[in-house]
Amino acid sequence: MLSFLSKFPFLLRLIAKRLFKAKSSKSAFGKKRFKETTLTSPKHKQTETEQTANSQPNNEFAIEFASDLQQEIRQGRKFSIAEAIGREGGSFMKGESAVPRPVRAANTIKQFLDSQLVDPSSAFATTLFTWATADIRLSRQLDTPLVALTQILESLLSEPTTFHEFFRQVAIAHANLTGERPHFQSLGQPPHPDADYTHESIQAQLSALIRHIKLATEKTS
């Protein structure tokens, strides 16, 4: 059992913390029981107060352990459409549509990318869709997914380190789809002569998507 728990250090931390708190709580309740029994009850008779005191620490332990465990698991995780639906359940249902809001938001982004991008290998489109739907900004703007997408695109263009990681993922996706060797490009360096994607070509497509979103927004406003 200990060898299994050692693989999950956050579980060990939670168990130790909860056990310590449960022990302290039990001690405090024990003192209260002793005082009440001495003043109001026969020596060997268990009162209703004692029964409540016996059960309350264990109930608090279970509730607080579950809460802390849930918090530990969620820390540092990216937004996930599937996780959001599972965690919130019916709260994502709005209006008469039977489709959860996260799914509708993801579908809106996918349809927009499919209609605007010319991407023979689909590596760029697929990577951008995955990148956008994992971004926390989308989870905060489920009713305006294209607004969230605009913010995501702008951050890719304005943050060199973020853009470099995105480009690396596009190169890997292209290699996986075509079976070719991935061609990476360092910041400020020329692209590989055989590369299908370059920093300049990706940046141009990101900028074009932002313009298309603004045009679409102006037409509907």
C-alpha atoms as a PDB file:
ATOM      1  CA  MET A   1       0.000   0.000   0.000  1.00  0.00           C
ATOM      2  CA  LEU A   2       2.783   2.449   0.903  1.00  0.00           C
ATOM      3  CA  SER A   3       4.644   1.655  -2.326  1.00  0.00           C
ATOM      4  CA  PHE A   4       1.480   2.462  -4.277  1.00  0.00           C
ATOM      5  CA  LEU A   5       0.887   5.740  -2.427  1.00  0.00           C
ATOM      6  CA  SER A   6       4.525   6.755  -2.923  1.00  0.00           C
ATOM      7  CA  LYS A   7       3.722   7.184  -6.622  1.00  0.00           C
ATOM      8  CA  PHE A   8       1.224   9.865  -5.693  1.00  0.00           C
ATOM      9  CA  PRO A   9       2.933  12.268  -3.275  1.00  0.00           C
ATOM     10  CA  PHE A  10      -0.010  14.650  -3.151  1.00  0.00           C
ATOM     11  CA  LEU A  11      -2.164  11.797  -1.735  1.00  0.00           C
ATOM     12  CA  LEU A  12       0.392  11.184   1.000  1.00  0.00           C
ATOM     13  CA  ARG A  13       0.414  14.876   1.886  1.00  0.00           C
ATOM     14  CA  LEU A  14      -3.372  14.996   2.050  1.00  0.00           C
ATOM     15  CA  ILE A  15      -3.665  11.843   4.154  1.00  0.00           C
ATOM     16  CA  ALA A  16      -1.051  13.057   6.613  1.00  0.00           C
ATOM     17  CA  LYS A  17      -2.677  16.491   6.916  1.00  0.00           C
ATOM     18  CA  ARG A  18      -6.183  15.087   7.360  1.00  0.00           C
ATOM     19  CA  LEU A  19      -5.091  12.455   9.878  1.00  0.00           C
ATOM     20  CA  PHE A  20      -3.349  15.089  11.967  1.00  0.00           C
ATOM     21  CA  LYS A  21      -6.410  17.329  11.913  1.00  0.00           C
ATOM     22  CA  ALA A  22      -8.735  14.402  12.641  1.00  0.00           C
ATOM     23  CA  LYS A  23      -6.605  13.426  15.642  1.00  0.00           C
ATOM     24  CA  SER A  24      -6.714  16.969  17.023  1.00  0.00           C
ATOM     25  CA  SER A  25     -10.452  17.193  16.422  1.00  0.00           C
ATOM     26  CA  LYS A  26     -11.074  13.851  18.100  1.00  0.00           C
ATOM     27  CA  SER A  27      -9.103  14.938  21.144  1.00  0.00           C
ATOM     28  CA  ALA A  28     -11.136  18.128  21.482  1.00  0.00           C
ATOM     29  CA  PHE A  29     -14.401  16.247  21.148  1.00  0.00           C
ATOM     30  CA  GLY A  30     -13.216  13.707  23.692  1.00  0.00           C
ATOM     31  CA  LYS A  31     -12.736  16.400  26.309  1.00  0.00           C
ATOM     32  CA  LYS A  32     -16.221  17.734  25.636  1.00  0.00           C
ATOM     33  CA  ARG A  33     -17.723  14.250  26.005  1.00  0.00           C
ATOM     34  CA  PHE A  34     -15.985  13.668  29.316  1.00  0.00           C
ATOM     35  CA  LYS A  35     -17.296  16.934  30.730  1.00  0.00           C
ATOM     36  CA  GLU A  36     -20.883  16.320  29.605  1.00  0.00           C
ATOM     37  CA  THR A  37     -20.899  12.714  30.818  1.00  0.00           C
ATOM     38  CA  THR A  38     -19.596  13.669  34.232  1.00  0.00           C
ATOM     39  CA  LEU A  39     -22.199  16.413  34.758  1.00  0.00           C
ATOM     40  CA  THR A  40     -25.345  14.926  33.216  1.00  0.00           C
ATOM     41  CA  SER A  41     -25.107  11.159  32.756  1.00  0.00           C
ATOM     42  CA  PRO A  42     -24.436   7.919  34.641  1.00  0.00           C
ATOM     43  CA  LYS A  43     -20.886   6.681  34.448  1.00  0.00           C
ATOM     44  CA  HIS A  44     -21.409   4.020  31.789  1.00  0.00           C
ATOM     45  CA  LYS A  45     -24.285   5.629  29.824  1.00  0.00           C
ATOM     46  CA  GLN A  46     -23.534   7.116  26.396  1.00  0.00           C
ATOM     47  CA  THR A  47     -25.511  10.286  25.688  1.00  0.00           C
ATOM     48  CA  GLU A  48     -26.780  11.599  22.365  1.00  0.00           C
ATOM     49  CA  THR A  49     -24.096  14.291  22.560  1.00  0.00           C
ATOM     50  CA  GLU A  50     -21.434  11.565  22.723  1.00  0.00           C
ATOM     51  CA  GLN A  51     -22.821   9.812  19.660  1.00  0.00           C
ATOM     52  CA  THR A  52     -22.714  13.037  17.667  1.00  0.00           C
ATOM     53  CA  ALA A  53     -19.195  13.736  18.877  1.00  0.00           C
ATOM     54  CA  ASN A  54     -18.095  10.258  17.832  1.00  0.00           C
ATOM     55  CA  SER A  55     -19.319  10.636  14.271  1.00  0.00           C
ATOM     56  CA  GLN A  56     -18.629  14.289  13.563  1.00  0.00           C
ATOM     57  CA  PRO A  57     -14.802  14.131  13.284  1.00  0.00           C
ATOM     58  CA  ASN A  58     -14.976  11.241  10.827  1.00  0.00           C
ATOM     59  CA  ASN A  59     -17.563  13.025   8.693  1.00  0.00           C
ATOM     60  CA  GLU A  60     -15.472  16.188   8.630  1.00  0.00           C
ATOM     61  CA  PHE A  61     -12.414  14.139   7.690  1.00  0.00           C
ATOM     62  CA  ALA A  62     -14.164  12.567   4.682  1.00  0.00           C
ATOM     63  CA  ILE A  63     -15.619  15.837   3.407  1.00  0.00           C
ATOM     64  CA  GLU A  64     -12.442  17.879   3.790  1.00  0.00           C
ATOM     65  CA  PHE A  65     -10.228  15.118   2.364  1.00  0.00           C
ATOM     66  CA  ALA A  66     -12.393  14.910  -0.765  1.00  0.00           C
ATOM     67  CA  SER A  67     -12.312  18.691  -1.145  1.00  0.00           C
ATOM     68  CA  ASP A  68      -8.535  18.889  -0.777  1.00  0.00           C
ATOM     69  CA  LEU A  69      -7.994  15.956  -3.112  1.00  0.00           C
ATOM     70  CA  GLN A  70     -10.100  17.609  -5.807  1.00  0.00           C
ATOM     71  CA  GLN A  71      -8.123  20.842  -5.417  1.00  0.00           C
ATOM     72  CA  GLU A  72      -4.761  19.041  -5.616  1.00  0.00           C
ATOM     73  CA  ILE A  73      -5.742  17.173  -8.783  1.00  0.00           C
ATOM     74  CA  ARG A  74      -6.945  20.306 -10.577  1.00  0.00           C
ATOM     75  CA  GLN A  75      -3.865  22.417  -9.813  1.00  0.00           C
ATOM     76  CA  GLY A  76      -1.749  23.181 -12.866  1.00  0.00           C
ATOM     77  CA  ARG A  77      -4.028  21.513 -15.354  1.00  0.00           C
ATOM     78  CA  LYS A  78      -5.036  23.073 -18.655  1.00  0.00           C
ATOM     79  CA  PHE A  79      -8.608  23.706 -19.588  1.00  0.00           C
ATOM     80  CA  SER A  80     -10.242  20.641 -21.107  1.00  0.00           C
ATOM     81  CA  ILE A  81     -13.590  20.581 -22.894  1.00  0.00           C
ATOM     82  CA  ALA A  82     -14.343  17.053 -21.667  1.00  0.00           C
ATOM     83  CA  GLU A  83     -13.281  17.839 -18.101  1.00  0.00           C
ATOM     84  CA  ALA A  84     -15.353  21.025 -18.011  1.00  0.00           C
ATOM     85  CA  ILE A  85     -18.480  19.169 -19.104  1.00  0.00           C
ATOM     86  CA  GLY A  86     -17.944  16.369 -16.611  1.00  0.00           C
ATOM     87  CA  ARG A  87     -17.164  18.682 -13.687  1.00  0.00           C
ATOM     88  CA  GLU A  88     -19.983  21.185 -14.176  1.00  0.00           C
ATOM     89  CA  GLY A  89     -22.666  18.961 -15.672  1.00  0.00           C
ATOM     90  CA  GLY A  90     -25.931  20.763 -16.347  1.00  0.00           C
ATOM     91  CA  SER A  91     -24.629  24.247 -15.546  1.00  0.00           C
ATOM     92  CA  PHE A  92     -23.242  24.441 -19.072  1.00  0.00           C
ATOM     93  CA  MET A  93     -26.668  23.909 -20.606  1.00  0.00           C
ATOM     94  CA  LYS A  94     -28.196  27.199 -21.634  1.00  0.00           C
ATOM     95  CA  GLY A  95     -31.326  28.049 -23.581  1.00  0.00           C
ATOM     96  CA  GLU A  96     -33.071  25.387 -25.632  1.00  0.00           C
ATOM     97  CA  SER A  97     -29.952  23.779 -27.113  1.00  0.00           C
ATOM     98  CA  ALA A  98     -29.149  20.254 -25.967  1.00  0.00           C
ATOM     99  CA  VAL A  99     -25.446  20.760 -26.809  1.00  0.00           C
ATOM    100  CA  PRO A 100     -23.255  21.803 -23.849  1.00  0.00           C
ATOM    101  CA  ARG A 101     -21.722  25.268 -24.151  1.00  0.00           C
ATOM    102  CA  PRO A 102     -18.088  24.049 -24.239  1.00  0.00           C
ATOM    103  CA  VAL A 103     -18.910  21.797 -27.194  1.00  0.00           C
ATOM    104  CA  ARG A 104     -20.699  24.619 -29.001  1.00  0.00           C
ATOM    105  CA  ALA A 105     -17.726  26.926 -28.410  1.00  0.00           C
ATOM    106  CA  ALA A 106     -15.260  24.333 -29.729  1.00  0.00           C
ATOM    107  CA  ASN A 107     -17.447  23.673 -32.783  1.00  0.00           C
ATOM    108  CA  THR A 108     -17.622  27.397 -33.547  1.00  0.00           C
ATOM    109  CA  ILE A 109     -13.830  27.642 -33.528  1.00  0.00           C
ATOM    110  CA  LYS A 110     -13.424  24.506 -35.651  1.00  0.00           C
ATOM    111  CA  GLN A 111     -15.925  25.687 -38.264  1.00  0.00           C
ATOM    112  CA  PHE A 112     -14.233  29.084 -38.440  1.00  0.00           C
ATOM    113  CA  LEU A 113     -10.764  27.574 -38.890  1.00  0.00           C
ATOM    114  CA  ASP A 114     -12.015  25.104 -41.515  1.00  0.00           C
ATOM    115  CA  SER A 115     -13.607  27.927 -43.493  1.00  0.00           C
ATOM    116  CA  GLN A 116     -10.623  30.275 -43.382  1.00  0.00           C
ATOM    117  CA  LEU A 117      -7.462  28.158 -43.518  1.00  0.00           C
ATOM    118  CA  VAL A 118      -5.822  26.621 -46.549  1.00  0.00           C
ATOM    119  CA  ASP A 119      -3.724  23.904 -44.950  1.00  0.00           C
ATOM    120  CA  PRO A 120      -3.036  20.833 -47.125  1.00  0.00           C
ATOM    121  CA  SER A 121      -1.491  18.701 -44.380  1.00  0.00           C
ATOM    122  CA  SER A 122      -3.901  20.074 -41.708  1.00  0.00           C
ATOM    123  CA  ALA A 123      -0.994  20.194 -39.229  1.00  0.00           C
ATOM    124  CA  PHE A 124      -1.375  23.921 -38.591  1.00  0.00           C
ATOM    125  CA  ALA A 125      -5.177  23.840 -38.346  1.00  0.00           C
ATOM    126  CA  THR A 126      -5.191  20.806 -36.058  1.00  0.00           C
ATOM    127  CA  THR A 127      -2.526  22.230 -33.768  1.00  0.00           C
ATOM    128  CA  LEU A 128      -4.225  25.620 -33.569  1.00  0.00           C
ATOM    129  CA  PHE A 129      -7.599  24.045 -32.734  1.00  0.00           C
ATOM    130  CA  THR A 130      -6.048  21.918 -29.973  1.00  0.00           C
ATOM    131  CA  TRP A 131      -4.111  24.910 -28.662  1.00  0.00           C
ATOM    132  CA  ALA A 132      -7.172  27.174 -28.602  1.00  0.00           C
ATOM    133  CA  THR A 133      -9.562  24.696 -26.973  1.00  0.00           C
ATOM    134  CA  ALA A 134      -7.024  24.011 -24.206  1.00  0.00           C
ATOM    135  CA  ASP A 135      -6.649  27.711 -23.389  1.00  0.00           C
ATOM    136  CA  ILE A 136      -8.293  28.945 -20.189  1.00  0.00           C
ATOM    137  CA  ARG A 137      -9.522  32.062 -21.989  1.00  0.00           C
ATOM    138  CA  LEU A 138     -11.999  29.965 -23.932  1.00  0.00           C
ATOM    139  CA  SER A 139     -13.497  28.510 -20.741  1.00  0.00           C
ATOM    140  CA  ARG A 140     -14.124  32.060 -19.515  1.00  0.00           C
ATOM    141  CA  GLN A 141     -15.815  33.176 -22.746  1.00  0.00           C
ATOM    142  CA  LEU A 142     -17.860  30.199 -23.874  1.00  0.00           C
ATOM    143  CA  ASP A 143     -20.601  32.423 -25.308  1.00  0.00           C
ATOM    144  CA  THR A 144     -18.093  34.435 -27.402  1.00  0.00           C
ATOM    145  CA  PRO A 145     -15.537  31.858 -28.576  1.00  0.00           C
ATOM    146  CA  LEU A 146     -14.227  33.965 -31.463  1.00  0.00           C
ATOM    147  CA  VAL A 147     -13.380  36.759 -29.030  1.00  0.00           C
ATOM    148  CA  ALA A 148     -11.381  34.250 -27.012  1.00  0.00           C
ATOM    149  CA  LEU A 149      -9.754  32.967 -30.197  1.00  0.00           C
ATOM    150  CA  THR A 150      -8.703  36.499 -31.130  1.00  0.00           C
ATOM    151  CA  GLN A 151      -6.988  36.931 -27.770  1.00  0.00           C
ATOM    152  CA  ILE A 152      -5.212  33.596 -28.203  1.00  0.00           C
ATOM    153  CA  LEU A 153      -4.009  34.499 -31.696  1.00  0.00           C
ATOM    154  CA  GLU A 154      -2.774  37.891 -30.520  1.00  0.00           C
ATOM    155  CA  SER A 155      -0.821  36.297 -27.688  1.00  0.00           C
ATOM    156  CA  LEU A 156       0.880  33.944 -30.154  1.00  0.00           C
ATOM    157  CA  LEU A 157       1.978  36.910 -32.253  1.00  0.00           C
ATOM    158  CA  SER A 158       3.105  39.078 -29.334  1.00  0.00           C
ATOM    159  CA  GLU A 159       4.892  36.482 -27.197  1.00  0.00           C
ATOM    160  CA  PRO A 160       7.987  35.034 -28.966  1.00  0.00           C
ATOM    161  CA  THR A 161       8.486  32.155 -26.517  1.00  0.00           C
ATOM    162  CA  THR A 162       4.846  31.094 -26.783  1.00  0.00           C
ATOM    163  CA  PHE A 163       4.965  31.345 -30.571  1.00  0.00           C
ATOM    164  CA  HIS A 164       8.166  29.257 -30.708  1.00  0.00           C
ATOM    165  CA  GLU A 165       6.500  26.473 -28.706  1.00  0.00           C
ATOM    166  CA  PHE A 166       3.415  26.630 -30.917  1.00  0.00           C
ATOM    167  CA  PHE A 167       5.553  26.423 -34.057  1.00  0.00           C
ATOM    168  CA  ARG A 168       7.424  23.438 -32.609  1.00  0.00           C
ATOM    169  CA  GLN A 169       4.115  21.635 -32.075  1.00  0.00           C
ATOM    170  CA  VAL A 170       3.049  22.414 -35.663  1.00  0.00           C
ATOM    171  CA  ALA A 171       6.319  20.948 -36.971  1.00  0.00           C
ATOM    172  CA  ILE A 172       5.852  17.789 -34.897  1.00  0.00           C
ATOM    173  CA  ALA A 173       2.223  17.420 -36.025  1.00  0.00           C
ATOM    174  CA  HIS A 174       3.290  17.790 -39.651  1.00  0.00           C
ATOM    175  CA  ALA A 175       5.970  15.116 -39.229  1.00  0.00           C
ATOM    176  CA  ASN A 176       3.457  12.747 -37.612  1.00  0.00           C
ATOM    177  CA  LEU A 177       0.962  13.269 -40.426  1.00  0.00           C
ATOM    178  CA  THR A 178       3.401  12.996 -43.332  1.00  0.00           C
ATOM    179  CA  GLY A 179       6.070  10.696 -41.929  1.00  0.00           C
ATOM    180  CA  GLU A 180       8.726  13.258 -42.787  1.00  0.00           C
ATOM    181  CA  ARG A 181      11.425  14.594 -40.521  1.00  0.00           C
ATOM    182  CA  PRO A 182      10.267  17.670 -38.516  1.00  0.00           C
ATOM    183  CA  HIS A 183      11.922  20.927 -39.524  1.00  0.00           C
ATOM    184  CA  PHE A 184      12.241  23.276 -36.573  1.00  0.00           C
ATOM    185  CA  GLN A 185      13.209  26.921 -36.795  1.00  0.00           C
ATOM    186  CA  SER A 186      14.944  28.953 -34.093  1.00  0.00           C
ATOM    187  CA  LEU A 187      13.876  32.497 -33.341  1.00  0.00           C
ATOM    188  CA  GLY A 188      15.631  34.938 -35.640  1.00  0.00           C
ATOM    189  CA  GLN A 189      17.058  32.162 -37.825  1.00  0.00           C
ATOM    190  CA  PRO A 190      16.139  31.294 -41.425  1.00  0.00           C
ATOM    191  CA  PRO A 191      13.867  28.292 -41.986  1.00  0.00           C
ATOM    192  CA  HIS A 192      14.984  24.928 -43.285  1.00  0.00           C
ATOM    193  CA  PRO A 193      14.836  24.901 -47.110  1.00  0.00           C
ATOM    194  CA  ASP A 194      12.531  21.868 -47.116  1.00  0.00           C
ATOM    195  CA  ALA A 195      10.175  23.126 -44.394  1.00  0.00           C
ATOM    196  CA  ASP A 196       6.483  23.323 -45.267  1.00  0.00           C
ATOM    197  CA  TYR A 197       5.916  25.809 -42.457  1.00  0.00           C
ATOM    198  CA  THR A 198       8.057  28.784 -41.472  1.00  0.00           C
ATOM    199  CA  HIS A 199       7.758  31.423 -38.784  1.00  0.00           C
ATOM    200  CA  GLU A 200       6.748  33.941 -41.416  1.00  0.00           C
ATOM    201  CA  SER A 201       4.071  31.751 -42.994  1.00  0.00           C
ATOM    202  CA  ILE A 202       2.516  30.865 -39.638  1.00  0.00           C
ATOM    203  CA  GLN A 203       2.557  34.482 -38.454  1.00  0.00           C
ATOM    204  CA  ALA A 204       0.914  35.572 -41.699  1.00  0.00           C
ATOM    205  CA  GLN A 205      -1.898  33.062 -41.245  1.00  0.00           C
ATOM    206  CA  LEU A 206      -2.423  34.051 -37.608  1.00  0.00           C
ATOM    207  CA  SER A 207      -2.678  37.719 -38.618  1.00  0.00           C
ATOM    208  CA  ALA A 208      -5.103  36.847 -41.418  1.00  0.00           C
ATOM    209  CA  LEU A 209      -7.344  34.943 -38.989  1.00  0.00           C
ATOM    210  CA  ILE A 210      -7.507  37.965 -36.686  1.00  0.00           C
ATOM    211  CA  ARG A 211      -8.584  40.159 -39.613  1.00  0.00           C
ATOM    212  CA  HIS A 212     -11.264  37.663 -40.663  1.00  0.00           C
ATOM    213  CA  ILE A 213     -12.669  37.525 -37.126  1.00  0.00           C
ATOM    214  CA  LYS A 214     -12.882  41.322 -36.954  1.00  0.00           C
ATOM    215  CA  LEU A 215     -14.640  41.452 -40.322  1.00  0.00           C
ATOM    216  CA  ALA A 216     -17.097  38.767 -39.273  1.00  0.00           C
ATOM    217  CA  THR A 217     -17.772  40.613 -36.014  1.00  0.00           C
ATOM    218  CA  GLU A 218     -18.411  43.895 -37.810  1.00  0.00           C
ATOM    219  CA  LYS A 219     -20.913  42.247 -40.160  1.00  0.00           C
ATOM    220  CA  THR A 220     -22.917  40.765 -37.302  1.00  0.00           C
ATOM    221  CA  SER A 221     -22.869  43.899 -35.115  1.00  0.00           C
END
